[in-house]
N, C-alpha and C. Protein backbone atom coordinates (compact mmCIF):
# COMPACT_ATOMS: atom_id res chain seq x y z
N UNK A 1 24.24 8.90 -1.62
CA UNK A 1 22.88 8.85 -1.15
C UNK A 1 22.01 9.99 -1.60
N UNK A 2 20.90 9.75 -2.44
CA UNK A 2 20.16 10.99 -2.90
C UNK A 2 19.22 11.55 -2.03
N UNK A 3 18.56 12.65 -2.25
CA UNK A 3 18.01 13.39 -1.10
C UNK A 3 16.77 12.58 -0.59
N UNK A 4 15.92 11.99 -1.44
CA UNK A 4 14.75 11.14 -0.94
C UNK A 4 15.19 10.12 0.00
N UNK A 5 16.43 9.38 -0.37
CA UNK A 5 16.77 8.34 0.60
C UNK A 5 17.14 8.88 1.87
N UNK A 6 17.75 10.14 1.93
CA UNK A 6 18.17 10.79 3.18
C UNK A 6 16.87 11.05 3.99
N UNK A 7 15.91 11.62 3.27
CA UNK A 7 14.61 11.96 4.06
C UNK A 7 14.04 10.73 4.74
N UNK A 8 14.03 9.47 3.83
CA UNK A 8 13.32 8.35 4.40
C UNK A 8 14.15 7.86 5.60
N UNK A 9 15.34 7.82 5.45
CA UNK A 9 16.26 7.26 6.52
C UNK A 9 16.07 8.16 7.81
N UNK A 10 15.82 9.48 7.63
CA UNK A 10 15.57 10.34 8.82
C UNK A 10 14.35 9.91 9.60
N UNK A 11 13.45 9.02 9.21
CA UNK A 11 12.30 8.59 9.93
C UNK A 11 12.50 7.21 10.66
N UNK A 12 13.75 6.74 10.47
CA UNK A 12 14.09 5.51 11.14
C UNK A 12 14.06 5.76 12.79
N UNK A 13 14.65 6.91 13.36
CA UNK A 13 14.55 7.09 14.77
C UNK A 13 13.11 7.14 15.24
N UNK A 14 12.42 7.75 14.52
CA UNK A 14 10.99 7.85 14.78
C UNK A 14 10.22 6.51 14.74
N UNK A 15 10.58 5.62 13.81
CA UNK A 15 9.92 4.27 13.70
C UNK A 15 10.55 3.33 15.00
N UNK A 16 11.76 3.55 15.30
CA UNK A 16 12.27 2.70 16.59
C UNK A 16 11.56 3.24 17.75
N UNK A 17 11.34 4.46 17.92
CA UNK A 17 10.74 4.94 19.09
C UNK A 17 9.43 4.68 19.30
N UNK A 18 8.71 4.58 18.29
CA UNK A 18 7.27 4.36 18.13
C UNK A 18 7.09 2.78 18.61
N UNK A 19 7.91 2.05 17.92
CA UNK A 19 7.92 0.63 18.26
C UNK A 19 8.09 0.20 19.82
N UNK A 20 9.20 0.99 20.26
CA UNK A 20 9.74 0.91 21.64
C UNK A 20 8.42 1.28 22.52
N UNK A 21 7.89 2.38 22.10
CA UNK A 21 6.78 2.78 23.05
C UNK A 21 5.59 1.85 23.16
N UNK A 22 5.17 1.28 22.04
CA UNK A 22 3.90 0.49 22.03
C UNK A 22 4.28 -0.97 22.08
N UNK A 23 5.56 -1.34 22.14
CA UNK A 23 5.88 -2.74 22.37
C UNK A 23 5.90 -3.87 21.31
N UNK A 24 6.12 -5.14 21.59
CA UNK A 24 6.37 -6.20 20.51
C UNK A 24 5.26 -6.25 19.60
N UNK A 25 4.01 -5.81 19.93
CA UNK A 25 2.84 -5.98 19.18
C UNK A 25 2.80 -4.88 18.14
N UNK A 26 3.66 -3.84 18.26
CA UNK A 26 3.68 -2.59 17.19
C UNK A 26 4.82 -2.83 16.24
N UNK A 27 4.45 -3.03 14.89
CA UNK A 27 5.53 -3.12 13.74
C UNK A 27 5.38 -1.87 13.21
N UNK A 28 6.63 -1.34 12.79
CA UNK A 28 6.54 -0.12 12.05
C UNK A 28 7.42 -0.38 10.78
N UNK A 29 6.94 -0.01 9.47
CA UNK A 29 7.56 -0.01 8.22
C UNK A 29 7.70 1.29 7.44
N UNK A 30 8.87 1.53 6.93
CA UNK A 30 9.23 2.53 6.14
C UNK A 30 9.33 2.16 4.58
N UNK A 31 8.41 2.60 3.75
CA UNK A 31 8.41 2.30 2.29
C UNK A 31 9.09 3.47 1.47
N UNK A 32 9.93 3.08 0.53
CA UNK A 32 10.41 3.92 -0.42
C UNK A 32 9.61 3.85 -1.74
N UNK A 33 8.64 4.66 -2.00
CA UNK A 33 7.68 4.55 -3.05
C UNK A 33 8.49 5.30 -4.33
N UNK A 34 9.60 5.57 -4.46
CA UNK A 34 10.41 5.77 -5.91
C UNK A 34 10.82 4.48 -6.31
N UNK A 35 10.75 3.26 -5.42
CA UNK A 35 11.09 2.11 -5.87
C UNK A 35 10.02 1.06 -5.45
N UNK A 36 8.71 1.23 -6.11
CA UNK A 36 7.54 0.39 -5.70
C UNK A 36 7.59 -1.01 -5.58
N UNK A 37 8.43 -1.61 -6.52
CA UNK A 37 8.45 -3.10 -6.50
C UNK A 37 9.35 -3.71 -5.36
N UNK A 38 10.19 -2.80 -4.66
CA UNK A 38 10.88 -3.33 -3.49
C UNK A 38 10.92 -2.07 -2.55
N UNK A 39 9.71 -1.80 -2.18
CA UNK A 39 9.56 -0.42 -1.44
C UNK A 39 10.02 -0.44 -0.02
N UNK A 40 9.97 -1.79 0.57
CA UNK A 40 10.30 -1.85 2.15
C UNK A 40 11.85 -1.54 2.18
N UNK A 41 12.01 -0.46 3.09
CA UNK A 41 13.55 -0.24 3.39
C UNK A 41 13.81 -0.41 4.84
N UNK A 42 12.87 -0.47 5.57
CA UNK A 42 13.14 -0.51 7.12
C UNK A 42 11.97 -1.13 7.78
N UNK A 43 12.09 -2.05 8.75
CA UNK A 43 11.08 -2.71 9.47
C UNK A 43 11.67 -2.91 10.92
N UNK A 44 10.77 -2.65 11.98
CA UNK A 44 10.99 -3.13 13.35
C UNK A 44 9.73 -3.87 13.79
N UNK A 45 10.01 -4.85 14.52
CA UNK A 45 8.96 -5.79 15.17
C UNK A 45 8.26 -6.38 14.04
N UNK A 46 8.98 -6.94 12.86
CA UNK A 46 8.35 -7.28 11.63
C UNK A 46 7.68 -8.82 11.72
N UNK A 47 7.80 -9.37 13.05
CA UNK A 47 7.14 -10.72 13.28
C UNK A 47 5.76 -10.37 13.26
N UNK A 48 5.34 -9.17 13.26
CA UNK A 48 3.80 -8.84 13.49
C UNK A 48 3.06 -9.32 12.01
N UNK A 49 3.68 -8.76 11.05
CA UNK A 49 3.19 -9.19 9.73
C UNK A 49 4.01 -10.08 8.71
N UNK A 50 5.43 -10.19 9.21
CA UNK A 50 6.27 -10.96 8.52
C UNK A 50 6.94 -10.05 7.37
N UNK A 51 6.77 -8.86 7.19
CA UNK A 51 7.34 -7.99 6.26
C UNK A 51 8.77 -8.06 6.00
N UNK A 52 9.34 -8.06 5.04
CA UNK A 52 11.07 -8.01 4.77
C UNK A 52 11.22 -7.02 4.03
N UNK A 53 12.54 -6.46 4.36
CA UNK A 53 13.26 -5.46 3.42
C UNK A 53 13.36 -6.22 2.04
N UNK A 54 12.97 -5.10 1.11
CA UNK A 54 12.84 -5.57 -0.28
C UNK A 54 11.71 -6.01 -0.81
N UNK A 55 10.70 -6.16 0.09
CA UNK A 55 9.26 -6.50 -0.55
C UNK A 55 8.58 -5.27 -0.86
N UNK A 56 7.49 -5.58 -1.33
CA UNK A 56 6.66 -4.38 -2.11
C UNK A 56 5.52 -3.96 -1.07
N UNK A 57 4.77 -2.90 -1.29
CA UNK A 57 3.68 -2.63 -0.33
C UNK A 57 2.54 -3.66 -0.74
N UNK A 58 1.47 -3.69 0.09
CA UNK A 58 0.43 -4.41 0.14
C UNK A 58 -0.88 -3.68 0.16
N UNK A 59 -1.12 -2.85 1.06
CA UNK A 59 -2.48 -2.15 1.19
C UNK A 59 -2.60 -0.70 0.68
N UNK A 60 -1.43 -0.26 0.20
CA UNK A 60 -1.39 1.34 -0.22
C UNK A 60 -2.55 1.72 -1.06
N UNK A 61 -2.78 1.04 -2.13
CA UNK A 61 -3.81 1.32 -3.32
C UNK A 61 -5.18 0.96 -2.72
N UNK A 62 -5.19 -0.48 -2.55
CA UNK A 62 -6.50 -1.20 -2.29
C UNK A 62 -7.15 -0.43 -1.20
N UNK A 63 -6.62 -0.38 0.01
CA UNK A 63 -7.13 -0.07 1.21
C UNK A 63 -6.93 1.55 1.58
N UNK A 64 -5.84 1.99 1.46
CA UNK A 64 -5.55 3.37 1.90
C UNK A 64 -5.98 4.37 0.94
N UNK A 65 -5.58 4.45 -0.33
CA UNK A 65 -5.74 5.52 -1.26
C UNK A 65 -7.26 5.34 -1.61
N UNK A 66 -7.97 4.18 -1.67
CA UNK A 66 -9.28 4.15 -2.14
C UNK A 66 -10.40 4.29 -1.17
N UNK A 67 -9.70 4.65 0.14
CA UNK A 67 -10.61 4.77 1.37
C UNK A 67 -11.22 6.33 1.27
N UNK A 68 -12.44 6.36 1.74
CA UNK A 68 -13.12 7.63 1.87
C UNK A 68 -12.53 8.58 2.79
N UNK A 69 -11.87 7.90 3.76
CA UNK A 69 -11.44 8.53 4.92
C UNK A 69 -9.89 8.91 4.83
N UNK A 70 -9.27 8.54 3.55
CA UNK A 70 -7.98 8.86 3.42
C UNK A 70 -8.00 10.51 3.01
N UNK A 71 -7.42 11.25 3.92
CA UNK A 71 -7.34 12.68 3.71
C UNK A 71 -6.07 13.21 4.44
N UNK A 72 -5.56 14.33 3.77
CA UNK A 72 -4.19 15.03 4.54
C UNK A 72 -3.10 14.03 4.44
N UNK A 73 -2.94 13.01 3.34
CA UNK A 73 -2.07 12.32 3.30
C UNK A 73 -1.82 11.05 4.36
N UNK A 74 -2.92 10.84 4.97
CA UNK A 74 -2.83 9.69 6.07
C UNK A 74 -4.14 9.10 6.14
N UNK A 75 -4.17 7.84 6.56
CA UNK A 75 -5.39 6.94 6.91
C UNK A 75 -5.01 6.35 8.12
N UNK A 76 -5.82 6.38 9.22
CA UNK A 76 -5.46 5.87 10.55
C UNK A 76 -6.72 4.78 10.92
N UNK A 77 -6.31 3.83 11.59
CA UNK A 77 -7.18 3.00 12.11
C UNK A 77 -7.99 1.97 11.26
N UNK A 78 -7.42 1.71 10.10
CA UNK A 78 -7.95 0.68 9.26
C UNK A 78 -7.42 -0.68 9.64
N UNK A 79 -8.19 -1.68 9.27
CA UNK A 79 -7.81 -3.04 9.75
C UNK A 79 -7.65 -4.14 8.53
N UNK A 80 -6.81 -5.22 8.71
CA UNK A 80 -6.79 -6.22 7.85
C UNK A 80 -6.35 -7.51 8.65
N UNK A 81 -6.64 -8.62 7.95
CA UNK A 81 -6.30 -9.86 8.62
C UNK A 81 -5.46 -10.76 8.09
N UNK A 82 -4.41 -11.10 8.97
CA UNK A 82 -3.22 -11.69 8.48
C UNK A 82 -3.68 -13.19 7.96
N UNK A 83 -2.68 -13.98 7.34
CA UNK A 83 -3.02 -15.28 6.96
C UNK A 83 -3.33 -16.23 7.95
N UNK A 84 -2.95 -16.06 9.20
CA UNK A 84 -3.20 -16.90 10.39
C UNK A 84 -4.32 -16.27 11.22
N UNK A 85 -5.17 -15.48 10.55
CA UNK A 85 -6.14 -14.97 11.18
C UNK A 85 -6.25 -14.00 12.38
N UNK A 86 -5.03 -13.17 12.53
CA UNK A 86 -4.97 -12.23 13.28
C UNK A 86 -5.32 -10.82 12.68
N UNK A 87 -6.11 -10.18 13.54
CA UNK A 87 -6.53 -8.95 13.27
C UNK A 87 -5.34 -7.73 13.41
N UNK A 88 -5.05 -6.98 12.41
CA UNK A 88 -4.08 -6.00 12.54
C UNK A 88 -4.71 -4.64 12.20
N UNK A 89 -4.42 -3.75 13.28
CA UNK A 89 -4.93 -2.26 13.28
C UNK A 89 -3.84 -1.41 12.71
N UNK A 90 -4.08 -0.56 11.64
CA UNK A 90 -3.04 -0.04 11.02
C UNK A 90 -3.13 1.56 10.74
N UNK A 91 -2.12 2.11 10.47
CA UNK A 91 -2.19 3.58 9.95
C UNK A 91 -0.90 3.70 9.07
N UNK A 92 -1.28 4.55 8.00
CA UNK A 92 -0.39 5.01 6.85
C UNK A 92 -0.38 6.33 6.64
N UNK A 93 0.74 6.93 6.70
CA UNK A 93 1.11 8.47 6.53
C UNK A 93 2.15 8.45 5.22
N UNK A 94 1.89 9.38 4.36
CA UNK A 94 2.73 9.41 3.17
C UNK A 94 3.86 10.44 3.57
N UNK A 95 4.88 10.19 3.05
CA UNK A 95 6.10 11.12 3.16
C UNK A 95 6.33 11.68 1.90
N UNK A 96 6.60 13.11 1.80
CA UNK A 96 6.92 13.94 0.65
C UNK A 96 8.21 14.54 0.76
N UNK A 97 8.78 14.82 -0.20
CA UNK A 97 10.12 15.67 -0.23
C UNK A 97 9.95 17.14 -0.22
N UNK A 98 10.98 17.65 -0.48
CA UNK A 98 10.90 19.29 -0.39
C UNK A 98 10.07 19.95 -1.48
N UNK A 99 9.85 19.18 -2.38
CA UNK A 99 9.04 19.61 -3.76
C UNK A 99 7.73 19.00 -3.45
N UNK A 100 7.32 18.44 -2.38
CA UNK A 100 5.89 18.01 -2.24
C UNK A 100 5.51 16.84 -3.16
N UNK A 101 6.55 16.15 -3.54
CA UNK A 101 6.38 14.91 -4.40
C UNK A 101 6.36 13.73 -3.35
N UNK A 102 5.41 12.85 -3.39
CA UNK A 102 5.37 11.60 -2.39
C UNK A 102 6.50 10.61 -2.76
N UNK A 103 7.35 10.47 -1.79
CA UNK A 103 8.65 9.61 -1.81
C UNK A 103 8.38 8.39 -1.10
N UNK A 104 7.57 8.33 -0.06
CA UNK A 104 7.56 7.11 0.82
C UNK A 104 6.11 7.01 1.56
N UNK A 105 6.30 6.06 2.47
CA UNK A 105 5.09 5.88 3.34
C UNK A 105 5.54 5.36 4.82
N UNK A 106 4.96 5.67 5.74
CA UNK A 106 5.47 5.52 7.20
C UNK A 106 4.21 4.78 7.78
N UNK A 107 4.31 3.25 7.93
CA UNK A 107 3.25 2.53 8.35
C UNK A 107 3.28 1.93 9.73
N UNK A 108 2.26 1.86 10.55
CA UNK A 108 2.36 1.33 11.87
C UNK A 108 1.28 0.11 11.81
N UNK A 109 1.65 -1.03 12.12
CA UNK A 109 0.79 -2.15 12.25
C UNK A 109 0.68 -2.75 13.74
N UNK A 110 -0.51 -2.71 14.18
CA UNK A 110 -0.61 -3.17 15.58
C UNK A 110 -1.56 -4.41 15.81
N UNK A 111 -0.78 -5.51 16.17
CA UNK A 111 -1.52 -6.74 16.39
C UNK A 111 -2.55 -6.68 17.66
N UNK A 112 -4.00 -6.69 17.31
CA UNK A 112 -4.72 -6.19 18.26
C UNK A 112 -5.63 -7.60 18.61
N UNK A 113 -4.99 -8.74 18.37
CA UNK A 113 -5.77 -10.10 18.48
C UNK A 113 -5.97 -10.08 20.08
N UNK A 114 -5.11 -9.82 20.87
CA UNK A 114 -5.35 -10.08 22.47
C UNK A 114 -6.33 -9.04 22.78
N UNK A 115 -6.31 -7.80 22.34
CA UNK A 115 -7.38 -7.02 22.68
C UNK A 115 -8.71 -7.47 22.26
N UNK A 116 -8.92 -7.88 21.01
CA UNK A 116 -10.21 -8.48 20.48
C UNK A 116 -10.66 -9.57 21.46
N UNK A 117 -9.79 -10.47 22.01
CA UNK A 117 -10.31 -11.34 22.88
C UNK A 117 -10.72 -11.03 24.08
N UNK A 118 -9.97 -9.94 24.53
CA UNK A 118 -10.44 -9.23 25.85
C UNK A 118 -11.82 -8.65 25.60
N UNK A 119 -12.09 -7.88 24.69
CA UNK A 119 -13.19 -7.19 24.27
C UNK A 119 -14.42 -8.34 24.09
N UNK A 120 -14.15 -9.27 23.49
CA UNK A 120 -15.29 -10.34 23.42
C UNK A 120 -15.65 -10.88 24.89
N UNK A 121 -14.55 -11.09 25.77
CA UNK A 121 -14.77 -11.42 27.28
C UNK A 121 -15.50 -10.32 27.84
N UNK A 122 -15.22 -9.06 27.65
CA UNK A 122 -16.10 -7.99 28.36
C UNK A 122 -17.44 -7.98 27.76
N UNK A 123 -17.55 -8.09 26.46
CA UNK A 123 -19.02 -8.03 25.88
C UNK A 123 -19.91 -9.02 26.36
N UNK A 124 -19.46 -10.17 26.89
CA UNK A 124 -20.23 -11.20 27.39
C UNK A 124 -20.94 -10.79 28.72
N UNK A 125 -20.29 -9.80 29.32
CA UNK A 125 -20.75 -9.27 30.68
C UNK A 125 -21.35 -7.97 30.70
N UNK A 126 -20.95 -7.17 29.76
CA UNK A 126 -21.35 -5.60 29.79
C UNK A 126 -22.29 -5.61 28.41
N UNK A 127 -23.24 -4.47 28.67
CA UNK A 127 -24.03 -4.10 27.44
C UNK A 127 -23.26 -3.46 26.41
N UNK A 128 -23.26 -3.69 25.19
CA UNK A 128 -22.55 -3.00 24.12
C UNK A 128 -23.35 -1.81 23.47
N UNK A 129 -22.84 -0.72 23.46
CA UNK A 129 -23.48 0.31 22.73
C UNK A 129 -22.87 0.49 21.37
N UNK A 130 -23.78 0.53 20.27
CA UNK A 130 -23.38 0.60 19.21
C UNK A 130 -23.32 1.91 18.58
N UNK A 131 -22.23 2.34 18.05
CA UNK A 131 -22.01 3.57 17.42
C UNK A 131 -21.98 3.64 16.09
N UNK A 132 -22.30 4.82 15.49
CA UNK A 132 -22.40 5.01 13.98
C UNK A 132 -21.10 5.75 13.57
N UNK A 133 -20.28 5.04 12.69
CA UNK A 133 -18.99 5.76 12.25
C UNK A 133 -19.25 6.73 11.27
N UNK A 134 -18.74 7.90 11.57
CA UNK A 134 -18.96 8.84 10.64
C UNK A 134 -18.15 8.85 9.31
N UNK A 135 -18.51 8.83 8.08
CA UNK A 135 -17.89 8.70 6.88
C UNK A 135 -18.08 10.01 6.12
N UNK A 136 -17.04 10.62 5.64
CA UNK A 136 -17.30 11.94 5.04
C UNK A 136 -16.72 11.72 3.52
N UNK A 137 -17.29 12.42 2.72
CA UNK A 137 -16.80 12.23 1.08
C UNK A 137 -15.45 12.95 1.14
N UNK A 138 -14.87 12.44 -0.07
CA UNK A 138 -13.62 13.07 -0.36
C UNK A 138 -13.82 14.46 -0.93
N UNK A 139 -12.90 15.34 -0.79
CA UNK A 139 -12.97 16.70 -1.38
C UNK A 139 -12.26 16.49 -2.74
N UNK A 140 -12.60 17.57 -3.60
CA UNK A 140 -12.00 17.55 -4.96
C UNK A 140 -10.33 17.44 -4.74
N UNK A 141 -9.88 18.25 -3.74
CA UNK A 141 -8.42 18.30 -3.43
C UNK A 141 -7.78 17.04 -3.05
N UNK A 142 -8.55 16.36 -2.17
CA UNK A 142 -8.31 15.03 -1.87
C UNK A 142 -8.16 13.94 -2.88
N UNK A 143 -9.20 13.95 -3.79
CA UNK A 143 -9.29 13.06 -5.06
C UNK A 143 -8.25 13.39 -5.96
N UNK A 144 -7.94 14.66 -6.17
CA UNK A 144 -6.68 14.97 -6.99
C UNK A 144 -5.44 14.53 -6.40
N UNK A 145 -5.48 14.54 -5.07
CA UNK A 145 -4.16 14.08 -4.45
C UNK A 145 -4.01 12.69 -4.72
N UNK A 146 -4.96 11.82 -4.54
CA UNK A 146 -4.98 10.29 -4.74
C UNK A 146 -4.66 10.27 -6.15
N UNK A 147 -5.16 10.80 -7.27
CA UNK A 147 -4.84 10.67 -8.64
C UNK A 147 -3.33 10.95 -8.77
N UNK A 148 -2.90 11.95 -8.09
CA UNK A 148 -1.38 12.40 -8.32
C UNK A 148 -0.50 11.25 -7.87
N UNK A 149 -0.84 10.65 -6.62
CA UNK A 149 -0.08 9.67 -5.98
C UNK A 149 -0.05 8.50 -6.91
N UNK A 150 -1.25 7.81 -7.36
CA UNK A 150 -1.23 6.77 -8.23
C UNK A 150 -0.64 7.03 -9.49
N UNK A 151 -0.67 8.19 -10.09
CA UNK A 151 0.11 8.58 -11.24
C UNK A 151 1.61 8.35 -11.06
N UNK A 152 1.99 8.82 -9.91
CA UNK A 152 3.51 8.84 -9.70
C UNK A 152 3.84 7.19 -9.43
N UNK A 153 2.96 6.59 -8.83
CA UNK A 153 3.50 5.10 -8.66
C UNK A 153 3.38 4.35 -9.81
N UNK A 154 2.56 4.74 -10.91
CA UNK A 154 2.58 4.04 -12.12
C UNK A 154 3.78 4.31 -12.80
N UNK A 155 4.24 5.63 -12.80
CA UNK A 155 5.58 6.07 -13.54
C UNK A 155 6.80 5.46 -13.01
N UNK A 156 6.76 5.39 -11.52
CA UNK A 156 7.88 4.80 -10.81
C UNK A 156 8.12 3.31 -11.20
N UNK A 157 7.02 2.63 -11.31
CA UNK A 157 6.89 1.05 -11.48
C UNK A 157 7.38 0.85 -12.87
N UNK A 158 6.83 1.61 -13.81
CA UNK A 158 7.32 1.49 -15.18
C UNK A 158 8.70 1.87 -15.43
N UNK A 159 9.04 3.07 -15.04
CA UNK A 159 10.34 3.57 -15.24
C UNK A 159 11.43 2.86 -14.77
N UNK A 160 11.25 2.05 -13.61
CA UNK A 160 12.19 1.18 -13.01
C UNK A 160 12.16 -0.25 -13.59
N UNK A 161 11.37 -0.49 -14.59
CA UNK A 161 11.18 -1.80 -15.10
C UNK A 161 11.30 -1.90 -16.65
N UNK A 162 11.13 -0.87 -17.33
CA UNK A 162 11.00 -1.03 -18.88
C UNK A 162 12.49 -0.95 -19.30
N UNK A 163 12.61 -1.65 -20.37
CA UNK A 163 13.91 -1.41 -21.13
C UNK A 163 13.83 -1.76 -22.40
N UNK A 164 14.61 -1.40 -23.42
CA UNK A 164 14.57 -1.38 -24.92
C UNK A 164 13.96 -2.73 -25.32
N UNK A 165 14.58 -3.82 -24.83
CA UNK A 165 14.48 -5.10 -25.49
C UNK A 165 13.31 -5.90 -24.42
N UNK A 166 12.38 -5.28 -23.89
CA UNK A 166 11.45 -5.73 -23.07
C UNK A 166 10.45 -6.79 -23.87
N UNK A 167 10.34 -7.92 -23.38
CA UNK A 167 9.62 -8.94 -24.08
C UNK A 167 8.11 -8.97 -23.63
N UNK A 168 7.36 -9.56 -24.33
CA UNK A 168 5.91 -9.61 -24.05
C UNK A 168 5.69 -10.27 -22.73
N UNK A 169 6.43 -11.23 -22.26
CA UNK A 169 5.97 -11.91 -20.94
C UNK A 169 6.39 -10.91 -19.99
N UNK A 170 7.43 -10.20 -20.03
CA UNK A 170 7.92 -9.31 -19.04
C UNK A 170 6.76 -8.15 -18.95
N UNK A 171 6.29 -7.82 -19.99
CA UNK A 171 5.06 -6.62 -19.86
C UNK A 171 3.97 -7.33 -19.16
N UNK A 172 3.64 -8.51 -19.32
CA UNK A 172 2.53 -9.24 -18.72
C UNK A 172 2.94 -9.33 -17.25
N UNK A 173 4.07 -9.60 -17.00
CA UNK A 173 4.32 -9.81 -15.47
C UNK A 173 4.33 -8.36 -14.64
N UNK A 174 4.66 -7.33 -15.55
CA UNK A 174 4.70 -6.01 -14.89
C UNK A 174 3.04 -5.57 -14.79
N UNK A 175 2.36 -5.90 -15.77
CA UNK A 175 0.78 -5.56 -15.58
C UNK A 175 0.15 -6.57 -14.34
N UNK A 176 0.85 -7.64 -14.36
CA UNK A 176 0.32 -8.46 -13.27
C UNK A 176 0.82 -8.00 -11.80
N UNK A 177 1.85 -7.43 -11.68
CA UNK A 177 2.24 -6.71 -10.50
C UNK A 177 1.43 -5.59 -10.15
N UNK A 178 1.19 -4.62 -11.19
CA UNK A 178 0.10 -3.46 -10.85
C UNK A 178 -1.19 -3.94 -10.48
N UNK A 179 -1.69 -5.09 -11.21
CA UNK A 179 -3.04 -5.46 -10.95
C UNK A 179 -3.25 -6.10 -9.47
N UNK A 180 -2.15 -6.75 -8.86
CA UNK A 180 -2.09 -7.30 -7.56
C UNK A 180 -2.11 -6.13 -6.72
N UNK A 181 -1.52 -5.04 -6.99
CA UNK A 181 -1.27 -3.81 -6.20
C UNK A 181 -2.49 -3.06 -6.10
N UNK A 182 -3.51 -3.26 -7.04
CA UNK A 182 -4.70 -2.49 -7.03
C UNK A 182 -4.65 -1.34 -7.95
N UNK A 183 -3.56 -1.15 -8.74
CA UNK A 183 -3.57 0.05 -9.58
C UNK A 183 -4.66 0.28 -10.49
N UNK A 184 -5.14 -1.14 -11.04
CA UNK A 184 -6.19 -1.06 -12.41
C UNK A 184 -7.54 -0.73 -11.55
N UNK A 185 -7.77 -0.59 -10.19
CA UNK A 185 -8.87 -0.21 -9.79
C UNK A 185 -9.27 1.23 -9.72
N UNK A 186 -8.15 1.96 -10.04
CA UNK A 186 -8.14 3.44 -10.06
C UNK A 186 -8.68 3.90 -11.49
N UNK A 187 -9.54 4.97 -11.59
CA UNK A 187 -9.95 5.44 -12.61
C UNK A 187 -8.90 6.05 -13.54
N UNK A 188 -8.90 5.60 -14.91
CA UNK A 188 -7.97 6.15 -15.90
C UNK A 188 -6.60 5.50 -15.78
N UNK A 189 -6.32 4.51 -15.05
CA UNK A 189 -5.09 3.75 -14.78
C UNK A 189 -4.73 3.16 -16.19
N UNK A 190 -5.66 2.40 -16.65
CA UNK A 190 -5.30 1.54 -17.96
C UNK A 190 -4.79 2.52 -19.20
N UNK A 191 -5.29 3.64 -19.26
CA UNK A 191 -4.97 4.58 -20.32
C UNK A 191 -3.52 5.10 -19.94
N UNK A 192 -3.16 5.37 -18.71
CA UNK A 192 -1.99 5.81 -18.28
C UNK A 192 -0.89 4.78 -18.44
N UNK A 193 -1.18 3.50 -18.05
CA UNK A 193 -0.23 2.32 -18.30
C UNK A 193 0.06 1.99 -19.60
N UNK A 194 -0.94 2.14 -20.53
CA UNK A 194 -0.86 1.88 -21.97
C UNK A 194 -0.06 2.94 -22.62
N UNK A 195 -0.21 4.35 -22.18
CA UNK A 195 0.69 5.26 -22.76
C UNK A 195 2.26 5.16 -22.42
N UNK A 196 2.23 4.92 -21.08
CA UNK A 196 3.67 4.68 -20.74
C UNK A 196 4.55 3.67 -21.27
N UNK A 197 3.62 2.38 -21.54
CA UNK A 197 4.36 1.09 -22.11
C UNK A 197 4.39 1.13 -23.52
N UNK A 198 3.75 2.27 -24.12
CA UNK A 198 3.67 2.13 -25.59
C UNK A 198 2.91 1.19 -26.24
N UNK A 199 1.86 0.80 -25.51
CA UNK A 199 1.01 -0.27 -26.08
C UNK A 199 -0.60 0.26 -26.09
N UNK A 200 -1.45 -0.28 -26.64
CA UNK A 200 -2.93 0.17 -26.77
C UNK A 200 -3.64 -0.37 -25.52
N UNK A 201 -4.72 0.43 -25.22
CA UNK A 201 -5.55 0.10 -24.11
C UNK A 201 -5.96 -1.46 -24.36
N UNK A 202 -6.42 -1.80 -25.47
CA UNK A 202 -6.92 -3.05 -25.89
C UNK A 202 -5.81 -4.11 -25.46
N UNK A 203 -4.44 -4.00 -25.70
CA UNK A 203 -3.57 -4.75 -25.24
C UNK A 203 -3.49 -4.99 -23.78
N UNK A 204 -3.50 -3.95 -23.11
CA UNK A 204 -3.51 -3.94 -21.42
C UNK A 204 -4.68 -4.80 -21.17
N UNK A 205 -5.94 -4.48 -21.66
CA UNK A 205 -6.83 -5.48 -21.34
C UNK A 205 -6.79 -6.86 -21.60
N UNK A 206 -6.32 -7.14 -22.74
CA UNK A 206 -5.95 -8.58 -23.25
C UNK A 206 -4.92 -9.28 -22.14
N UNK A 207 -3.92 -8.43 -21.60
CA UNK A 207 -2.92 -8.93 -20.79
C UNK A 207 -3.73 -9.27 -19.52
N UNK A 208 -4.55 -8.29 -18.99
CA UNK A 208 -5.23 -8.62 -17.72
C UNK A 208 -6.23 -9.90 -17.96
N UNK A 209 -7.04 -10.14 -18.95
CA UNK A 209 -7.76 -11.22 -19.14
C UNK A 209 -6.79 -12.42 -19.25
N UNK A 210 -5.56 -12.35 -19.89
CA UNK A 210 -4.81 -13.63 -19.75
C UNK A 210 -4.39 -13.95 -18.45
N UNK A 211 -4.09 -12.78 -17.69
CA UNK A 211 -3.59 -13.08 -16.30
C UNK A 211 -4.71 -13.60 -15.41
N UNK A 212 -6.07 -13.11 -15.50
CA UNK A 212 -7.04 -13.76 -14.86
C UNK A 212 -7.58 -15.10 -15.11
N UNK A 213 -7.36 -15.43 -16.40
CA UNK A 213 -7.59 -16.59 -17.09
C UNK A 213 -6.53 -17.66 -16.47
N UNK A 214 -5.30 -17.35 -16.37
CA UNK A 214 -4.27 -18.12 -15.92
C UNK A 214 -4.59 -18.29 -14.34
N UNK A 215 -4.99 -17.43 -13.66
CA UNK A 215 -5.30 -17.34 -12.19
C UNK A 215 -6.43 -18.42 -11.75
N UNK A 216 -7.50 -18.30 -12.72
CA UNK A 216 -8.61 -19.14 -12.61
C UNK A 216 -8.14 -20.80 -12.66
N UNK A 217 -7.40 -20.80 -13.79
CA UNK A 217 -7.07 -22.26 -14.36
C UNK A 217 -5.91 -22.77 -13.52
N UNK A 218 -5.13 -21.92 -12.94
CA UNK A 218 -3.94 -22.37 -12.03
C UNK A 218 -2.79 -22.88 -12.97
N UNK A 219 -1.54 -22.98 -12.41
CA UNK A 219 -0.63 -23.45 -13.06
C UNK A 219 -0.69 -24.71 -14.03
N UNK A 220 -0.21 -24.80 -15.04
CA UNK A 220 -0.38 -25.73 -16.04
C UNK A 220 0.83 -26.83 -15.84
């Protein structure tokens, strides 16, 4: 077992105790970001979102890294909605190795649907005070941190997938995976992917257009 795997596995007792503390509505997931396409290595109470070991991350780039409130390697209190319309309140904290390289993520997902229903009941009887959420801009250091994390993800995804006899359709599927995970929403990502795959930016854009065209038309 390599050092990064040992570090990630050391978080399992913390994951179990967190889930035990907050009960069945609290799911904890540990991701191995050195293997982005199959990053989930541990789950507890995974009935909350249905995440399975061997699956990939969902919200890391789209929601966490792109948030103005992502600072000091964590984002707490963001929400998303499941396919069956339940609201999940989440936090994600990055895990680094002894060389300060990002190797994983520790994610807590809490099903707050029952709390939302209770709040709606209370709002019917009590006046609601509307607060203003304070949003601060990212510092240059935070922006550089996000760029470094995305660069690392791109390198890991490509290094784990590329082989000498890689065919066109395999490259397209790799581009599709990165597109689905929000990689191409990040500035400069097309240049980096093109360089690592040994293809032109124009080719990357043509693959993305082909992927979007197939998505619009649906399966043939």
